[in-house]
Each structure stands twice: as C-alpha cells, then as structure tokens.
Amino acid sequence: MKNSQKFPEILKSLRTANGLSIREAAKEFEISPSLLQRYESGEVSPGYKKIIKIAEVLRVPVDTLVGRGLVA
C-alpha cells in the first residue's frame, strides 16, 4: 500500500482517537468539513502546509500522519 493510500485511513483514525467530529476537526485544521471528508475518503490530498497543520493539531509527527515508517 502506498503512503498516499494510508493517509486517509490514518487521518480518520487519529481524528476519531482525539474525539473530534468532522466539523470540529475541520475548524481546527482551518478547512471546510466537506474538504476534510474528501481527505478522509482519499478523493483529494492536502498540500504539505496543510499536512503540517493537521499534524500539529493532532499532536503527531508528520511521518506518522502520512504513514512513513509503518509496517505494511
């Protein structure tokens, strides 16, 4: 599985583990709820600046968020 395919699954898992609804997380990530749903479905991927913002909000390293270093 490619890292880009892991991102949606990891994002949703981390969001829910942090007890955030789509609406709450989108507000924290400074994006619309519909865009967050598109990230989580894998329809679109965020740019690097937004990935950094999401990682900061979720308090995880960027590598964790994008699936680097995970065993497939």
PDB file of N, CA and C in Angstrom:
ATOM      1  N   MET A   1       0.850  -1.192   0.000  1.00  0.00           N
ATOM      2  CA  MET A   1       0.000   0.000   0.000  1.00  0.00           C
ATOM      3  C   MET A   1       0.885   1.241   0.000  1.00  0.00           C
ATOM      4  N   LYS A   2       0.595   2.165  -0.869  1.00  0.00           N
ATOM      5  CA  LYS A   2       1.356   3.411  -0.939  1.00  0.00           C
ATOM      6  C   LYS A   2       1.007   4.308   0.228  1.00  0.00           C
ATOM      7  N   ASN A   3       1.969   5.192   0.602  1.00  0.00           N
ATOM      8  CA  ASN A   3       1.724   6.121   1.703  1.00  0.00           C
ATOM      9  C   ASN A   3       0.502   6.981   1.452  1.00  0.00           C
ATOM     10  N   SER A   4       0.296   7.420   0.207  1.00  0.00           N
ATOM     11  CA  SER A   4      -0.852   8.278  -0.094  1.00  0.00           C
ATOM     12  C   SER A   4      -2.169   7.541   0.130  1.00  0.00           C
ATOM     13  N   GLN A   5      -2.145   6.205   0.016  1.00  0.00           N
ATOM     14  CA  GLN A   5      -3.346   5.425   0.274  1.00  0.00           C
ATOM     15  C   GLN A   5      -3.567   5.248   1.772  1.00  0.00           C
ATOM     16  N   LYS A   6      -2.520   5.332   2.564  1.00  0.00           N
ATOM     17  CA  LYS A   6      -2.628   5.186   4.012  1.00  0.00           C
ATOM     18  C   LYS A   6      -3.141   6.457   4.666  1.00  0.00           C
ATOM     19  N   PHE A   7      -2.814   7.615   4.091  1.00  0.00           N
ATOM     20  CA  PHE A   7      -3.146   8.888   4.712  1.00  0.00           C
ATOM     21  C   PHE A   7      -4.615   9.014   5.101  1.00  0.00           C
ATOM     22  N   PRO A   8      -5.564   8.733   4.213  1.00  0.00           N
ATOM     23  CA  PRO A   8      -6.979   8.900   4.610  1.00  0.00           C
ATOM     24  C   PRO A   8      -7.359   8.061   5.828  1.00  0.00           C
ATOM     25  N   GLU A   9      -6.899   6.825   5.856  1.00  0.00           N
ATOM     26  CA  GLU A   9      -7.205   5.920   6.961  1.00  0.00           C
ATOM     27  C   GLU A   9      -6.569   6.418   8.268  1.00  0.00           C
ATOM     28  N   ILE A  10      -5.324   6.844   8.192  1.00  0.00           N
ATOM     29  CA  ILE A  10      -4.609   7.344   9.376  1.00  0.00           C
ATOM     30  C   ILE A  10      -5.254   8.624   9.881  1.00  0.00           C
ATOM     31  N   LEU A  11      -5.589   9.526   8.970  1.00  0.00           N
ATOM     32  CA  LEU A  11      -6.220  10.789   9.355  1.00  0.00           C
ATOM     33  C   LEU A  11      -7.522  10.534  10.111  1.00  0.00           C
ATOM     34  N   LYS A  12      -8.372   9.691   9.564  1.00  0.00           N
ATOM     35  CA  LYS A  12      -9.653   9.413  10.214  1.00  0.00           C
ATOM     36  C   LYS A  12      -9.448   8.759  11.576  1.00  0.00           C
ATOM     37  N   SER A  13      -8.518   7.827  11.643  1.00  0.00           N
ATOM     38  CA  SER A  13      -8.237   7.137  12.897  1.00  0.00           C
ATOM     39  C   SER A  13      -7.742   8.105  13.969  1.00  0.00           C
ATOM     40  N   LEU A  14      -6.811   8.980  13.603  1.00  0.00           N
ATOM     41  CA  LEU A  14      -6.281   9.949  14.564  1.00  0.00           C
ATOM     42  C   LEU A  14      -7.340  10.966  14.976  1.00  0.00           C
ATOM     43  N   ARG A  15      -8.150  11.394  14.017  1.00  0.00           N
ATOM     44  CA  ARG A  15      -9.220  12.349  14.330  1.00  0.00           C
ATOM     45  C   ARG A  15     -10.183  11.759  15.342  1.00  0.00           C
ATOM     46  N   THR A  16     -10.628  10.534  15.086  1.00  0.00           N
ATOM     47  CA  THR A  16     -11.586   9.918  15.996  1.00  0.00           C
ATOM     48  C   THR A  16     -10.947   9.585  17.339  1.00  0.00           C
ATOM     49  N   ALA A  17      -9.678   9.189  17.338  1.00  0.00           N
ATOM     50  CA  ALA A  17      -8.971   8.901  18.590  1.00  0.00           C
ATOM     51  C   ALA A  17      -8.856  10.155  19.462  1.00  0.00           C
ATOM     52  N   ASN A  18      -8.835  11.314  18.817  1.00  0.00           N
ATOM     53  CA  ASN A  18      -8.779  12.586  19.536  1.00  0.00           C
ATOM     54  C   ASN A  18     -10.173  13.103  19.896  1.00  0.00           C
ATOM     55  N   GLY A  19     -11.195  12.312  19.581  1.00  0.00           N
ATOM     56  CA  GLY A  19     -12.561  12.675  19.939  1.00  0.00           C
ATOM     57  C   GLY A  19     -13.116  13.855  19.162  1.00  0.00           C
ATOM     58  N   LEU A  20     -12.611  14.057  17.948  1.00  0.00           N
ATOM     59  CA  LEU A  20     -13.045  15.195  17.136  1.00  0.00           C
ATOM     60  C   LEU A  20     -14.047  14.757  16.071  1.00  0.00           C
ATOM     61  N   SER A  21     -15.128  15.494  15.966  1.00  0.00           N
ATOM     62  CA  SER A  21     -16.065  15.277  14.870  1.00  0.00           C
ATOM     63  C   SER A  21     -15.450  15.880  13.606  1.00  0.00           C
ATOM     64  N   ILE A  22     -16.054  15.586  12.482  1.00  0.00           N
ATOM     65  CA  ILE A  22     -15.578  16.180  11.219  1.00  0.00           C
ATOM     66  C   ILE A  22     -15.618  17.703  11.325  1.00  0.00           C
ATOM     67  N   ARG A  23     -16.720  18.217  11.832  1.00  0.00           N
ATOM     68  CA  ARG A  23     -16.879  19.679  11.944  1.00  0.00           C
ATOM     69  C   ARG A  23     -15.826  20.296  12.871  1.00  0.00           C
ATOM     70  N   GLU A  24     -15.611  19.668  14.032  1.00  0.00           N
ATOM     71  CA  GLU A  24     -14.630  20.190  14.995  1.00  0.00           C
ATOM     72  C   GLU A  24     -13.214  20.142  14.425  1.00  0.00           C
ATOM     73  N   ALA A  25     -12.874  19.009  13.814  1.00  0.00           N
ATOM     74  CA  ALA A  25     -11.538  18.860  13.249  1.00  0.00           C
ATOM     75  C   ALA A  25     -11.316  19.845  12.104  1.00  0.00           C
ATOM     76  N   ALA A  26     -12.306  19.986  11.240  1.00  0.00           N
ATOM     77  CA  ALA A  26     -12.179  20.913  10.109  1.00  0.00           C
ATOM     78  C   ALA A  26     -11.906  22.327  10.604  1.00  0.00           C
ATOM     79  N   LYS A  27     -12.594  22.733  11.657  1.00  0.00           N
ATOM     80  CA  LYS A  27     -12.373  24.065  12.218  1.00  0.00           C
ATOM     81  C   LYS A  27     -10.929  24.205  12.704  1.00  0.00           C
ATOM     82  N   GLU A  28     -10.438  23.179  13.410  1.00  0.00           N
ATOM     83  CA  GLU A  28      -9.062  23.207  13.914  1.00  0.00           C
ATOM     84  C   GLU A  28      -8.036  23.187  12.771  1.00  0.00           C
ATOM     85  N   PHE A  29      -8.344  22.445  11.712  1.00  0.00           N
ATOM     86  CA  PHE A  29      -7.438  22.342  10.566  1.00  0.00           C
ATOM     87  C   PHE A  29      -7.534  23.548   9.632  1.00  0.00           C
ATOM     88  N   GLU A  30      -8.537  24.403   9.887  1.00  0.00           N
ATOM     89  CA  GLU A  30      -8.786  25.598   9.078  1.00  0.00           C
ATOM     90  C   GLU A  30      -9.158  25.243   7.635  1.00  0.00           C
ATOM     91  N   ILE A  31     -10.083  24.263   7.540  1.00  0.00           N
ATOM     92  CA  ILE A  31     -10.627  23.859   6.243  1.00  0.00           C
ATOM     93  C   ILE A  31     -12.130  23.633   6.418  1.00  0.00           C
ATOM     94  N   SER A  32     -12.833  23.409   5.327  1.00  0.00           N
ATOM     95  CA  SER A  32     -14.262  23.127   5.414  1.00  0.00           C
ATOM     96  C   SER A  32     -14.477  21.657   5.772  1.00  0.00           C
ATOM     97  N   PRO A  33     -15.612  21.356   6.428  1.00  0.00           N
ATOM     98  CA  PRO A  33     -15.914  19.952   6.718  1.00  0.00           C
ATOM     99  C   PRO A  33     -15.965  19.093   5.449  1.00  0.00           C
ATOM    100  N   SER A  34     -16.465  19.643   4.359  1.00  0.00           N
ATOM    101  CA  SER A  34     -16.547  18.851   3.124  1.00  0.00           C
ATOM    102  C   SER A  34     -15.158  18.513   2.585  1.00  0.00           C
ATOM    103  N   LEU A  35     -14.205  19.433   2.747  1.00  0.00           N
ATOM    104  CA  LEU A  35     -12.849  19.140   2.293  1.00  0.00           C
ATOM    105  C   LEU A  35     -12.232  18.054   3.173  1.00  0.00           C
ATOM    106  N   LEU A  36     -12.470  18.110   4.470  1.00  0.00           N
ATOM    107  CA  LEU A  36     -11.960  17.064   5.357  1.00  0.00           C
ATOM    108  C   LEU A  36     -12.542  15.711   4.970  1.00  0.00           C
ATOM    109  N   GLN A  37     -13.809  15.665   4.642  1.00  0.00           N
ATOM    110  CA  GLN A  37     -14.419  14.405   4.201  1.00  0.00           C
ATOM    111  C   GLN A  37     -13.740  13.897   2.925  1.00  0.00           C
ATOM    112  N   ARG A  38     -13.366  14.808   2.052  1.00  0.00           N
ATOM    113  CA  ARG A  38     -12.678  14.414   0.814  1.00  0.00           C
ATOM    114  C   ARG A  38     -11.278  13.897   1.116  1.00  0.00           C
ATOM    115  N   TYR A  39     -10.591  14.493   2.104  1.00  0.00           N
ATOM    116  CA  TYR A  39      -9.287  13.972   2.537  1.00  0.00           C
ATOM    117  C   TYR A  39      -9.457  12.552   3.070  1.00  0.00           C
ATOM    118  N   GLU A  40     -10.451  12.353   3.930  1.00  0.00           N
ATOM    119  CA  GLU A  40     -10.648  11.053   4.572  1.00  0.00           C
ATOM    120  C   GLU A  40     -11.131   9.979   3.601  1.00  0.00           C
ATOM    121  N   SER A  41     -11.754  10.370   2.532  1.00  0.00           N
ATOM    122  CA  SER A  41     -12.202   9.399   1.528  1.00  0.00           C
ATOM    123  C   SER A  41     -11.096   9.091   0.515  1.00  0.00           C
ATOM    124  N   GLY A  42     -10.036   9.892   0.529  1.00  0.00           N
ATOM    125  CA  GLY A  42      -8.948   9.706  -0.420  1.00  0.00           C
ATOM    126  C   GLY A  42      -9.193  10.368  -1.757  1.00  0.00           C
ATOM    127  N   GLU A  43     -10.264  11.132  -1.843  1.00  0.00           N
ATOM    128  CA  GLU A  43     -10.616  11.809  -3.100  1.00  0.00           C
ATOM    129  C   GLU A  43      -9.575  12.869  -3.461  1.00  0.00           C
ATOM    130  N   VAL A  44      -9.091  13.581  -2.452  1.00  0.00           N
ATOM    131  CA  VAL A  44      -8.044  14.594  -2.639  1.00  0.00           C
ATOM    132  C   VAL A  44      -7.047  14.467  -1.496  1.00  0.00           C
ATOM    133  N   SER A  45      -5.862  15.006  -1.711  1.00  0.00           N
ATOM    134  CA  SER A  45      -4.824  15.002  -0.685  1.00  0.00           C
ATOM    135  C   SER A  45      -4.425  16.436  -0.379  1.00  0.00           C
ATOM    136  N   PRO A  46      -4.119  16.717   0.882  1.00  0.00           N
ATOM    137  CA  PRO A  46      -3.706  18.069   1.236  1.00  0.00           C
ATOM    138  C   PRO A  46      -2.275  18.352   0.790  1.00  0.00           C
ATOM    139  N   GLY A  47      -1.970  19.634   0.653  1.00  0.00           N
ATOM    140  CA  GLY A  47      -0.603  20.052   0.372  1.00  0.00           C
ATOM    141  C   GLY A  47       0.236  19.947   1.640  1.00  0.00           C
ATOM    142  N   TYR A  48       1.537  20.142   1.496  1.00  0.00           N
ATOM    143  CA  TYR A  48       2.423  19.953   2.637  1.00  0.00           C
ATOM    144  C   TYR A  48       2.144  20.917   3.779  1.00  0.00           C
ATOM    145  N   LYS A  49       1.763  22.153   3.505  1.00  0.00           N
ATOM    146  CA  LYS A  49       1.478  23.106   4.588  1.00  0.00           C
ATOM    147  C   LYS A  49       0.272  22.647   5.405  1.00  0.00           C
ATOM    148  N   LYS A  50      -0.732  22.117   4.723  1.00  0.00           N
ATOM    149  CA  LYS A  50      -1.920  21.646   5.434  1.00  0.00           C
ATOM    150  C   LYS A  50      -1.605  20.358   6.196  1.00  0.00           C
ATOM    151  N   ILE A  51      -0.764  19.499   5.645  1.00  0.00           N
ATOM    152  CA  ILE A  51      -0.357  18.287   6.364  1.00  0.00           C
ATOM    153  C   ILE A  51       0.343  18.664   7.673  1.00  0.00           C
ATOM    154  N   ILE A  52       1.200  19.667   7.621  1.00  0.00           N
ATOM    155  CA  ILE A  52       1.894  20.131   8.826  1.00  0.00           C
ATOM    156  C   ILE A  52       0.882  20.658   9.846  1.00  0.00           C
ATOM    157  N   LYS A  53      -0.089  21.443   9.394  1.00  0.00           N
ATOM    158  CA  LYS A  53      -1.119  21.986  10.283  1.00  0.00           C
ATOM    159  C   LYS A  53      -1.911  20.855  10.942  1.00  0.00           C
ATOM    160  N   ILE A  54      -2.320  19.873  10.157  1.00  0.00           N
ATOM    161  CA  ILE A  54      -3.096  18.749  10.686  1.00  0.00           C
ATOM    162  C   ILE A  54      -2.271  17.982  11.710  1.00  0.00           C
ATOM    163  N   ALA A  55      -1.005  17.722  11.408  1.00  0.00           N
ATOM    164  CA  ALA A  55      -0.129  17.002  12.344  1.00  0.00           C
ATOM    165  C   ALA A  55       0.020  17.775  13.649  1.00  0.00           C
ATOM    166  N   GLU A  56       0.149  19.094  13.558  1.00  0.00           N
ATOM    167  CA  GLU A  56       0.269  19.920  14.763  1.00  0.00           C
ATOM    168  C   GLU A  56      -0.997  19.824  15.616  1.00  0.00           C
ATOM    169  N   VAL A  57      -2.157  19.927  14.974  1.00  0.00           N
ATOM    170  CA  VAL A  57      -3.426  19.864  15.707  1.00  0.00           C
ATOM    171  C   VAL A  57      -3.597  18.499  16.373  1.00  0.00           C
ATOM    172  N   LEU A  58      -3.238  17.436  15.651  1.00  0.00           N
ATOM    173  CA  LEU A  58      -3.398  16.083  16.183  1.00  0.00           C
ATOM    174  C   LEU A  58      -2.238  15.667  17.094  1.00  0.00           C
ATOM    175  N   ARG A  59      -1.232  16.515  17.189  1.00  0.00           N
ATOM    176  CA  ARG A  59      -0.062  16.283  18.038  1.00  0.00           C
ATOM    177  C   ARG A  59       0.655  14.974  17.695  1.00  0.00           C
ATOM    178  N   VAL A  60       0.912  14.807  16.395  1.00  0.00           N
ATOM    179  CA  VAL A  60       1.671  13.654  15.918  1.00  0.00           C
ATOM    180  C   VAL A  60       2.727  14.145  14.922  1.00  0.00           C
ATOM    181  N   PRO A  61       3.814  13.396  14.761  1.00  0.00           N
ATOM    182  CA  PRO A  61       4.793  13.750  13.733  1.00  0.00           C
ATOM    183  C   PRO A  61       4.174  13.608  12.340  1.00  0.00           C
ATOM    184  N   VAL A  62       4.641  14.409  11.421  1.00  0.00           N
ATOM    185  CA  VAL A  62       4.164  14.322  10.039  1.00  0.00           C
ATOM    186  C   VAL A  62       4.371  12.908   9.503  1.00  0.00           C
ATOM    187  N   ASP A  63       5.500  12.290   9.815  1.00  0.00           N
ATOM    188  CA  ASP A  63       5.761  10.930   9.336  1.00  0.00           C
ATOM    189  C   ASP A  63       4.664   9.957   9.766  1.00  0.00           C
ATOM    190  N   THR A  64       4.161  10.108  10.970  1.00  0.00           N
ATOM    191  CA  THR A  64       3.075   9.255  11.447  1.00  0.00           C
ATOM    192  C   THR A  64       1.807   9.507  10.641  1.00  0.00           C
ATOM    193  N   LEU A  65       1.508  10.769  10.417  1.00  0.00           N
ATOM    194  CA  LEU A  65       0.292  11.137   9.691  1.00  0.00           C
ATOM    195  C   LEU A  65       0.283  10.587   8.268  1.00  0.00           C
ATOM    196  N   VAL A  66       1.435  10.591   7.613  1.00  0.00           N
ATOM    197  CA  VAL A  66       1.483  10.150   6.221  1.00  0.00           C
ATOM    198  C   VAL A  66       1.866   8.680   6.073  1.00  0.00           C
ATOM    199  N   GLY A  67       2.047   7.988   7.204  1.00  0.00           N
ATOM    200  CA  GLY A  67       2.286   6.552   7.137  1.00  0.00           C
ATOM    201  C   GLY A  67       3.714   6.132   6.894  1.00  0.00           C
ATOM    202  N   ARG A  68       4.649   7.048   7.044  1.00  0.00           N
ATOM    203  CA  ARG A  68       6.059   6.671   6.864  1.00  0.00           C
ATOM    204  C   ARG A  68       6.527   5.901   8.085  1.00  0.00           C
ATOM    205  N   GLY A  69       7.232   4.842   7.837  1.00  0.00           N
ATOM    206  CA  GLY A  69       7.778   4.054   8.926  1.00  0.00           C
ATOM    207  C   GLY A  69       6.826   3.011   9.449  1.00  0.00           C
ATOM    208  N   LEU A  70       5.632   2.928   8.879  1.00  0.00           N
ATOM    209  CA  LEU A  70       4.665   1.896   9.290  1.00  0.00           C
ATOM    210  C   LEU A  70       4.940   0.613   8.535  1.00  0.00           C
ATOM    211  N   VAL A  71       4.742  -0.494   9.193  1.00  0.00           N
ATOM    212  CA  VAL A  71       4.903  -1.793   8.540  1.00  0.00           C
ATOM    213  C   VAL A  71       3.630  -2.094   7.765  1.00  0.00           C
ATOM    214  N   ALA A  72       3.782  -2.419   6.492  1.00  0.00           N
ATOM    215  CA  ALA A  72       2.599  -2.700   5.647  1.00  0.00           C
ATOM    216  C   ALA A  72       2.037  -4.063   5.921  1.00  0.00           C
TER     217      ALA A  72
END
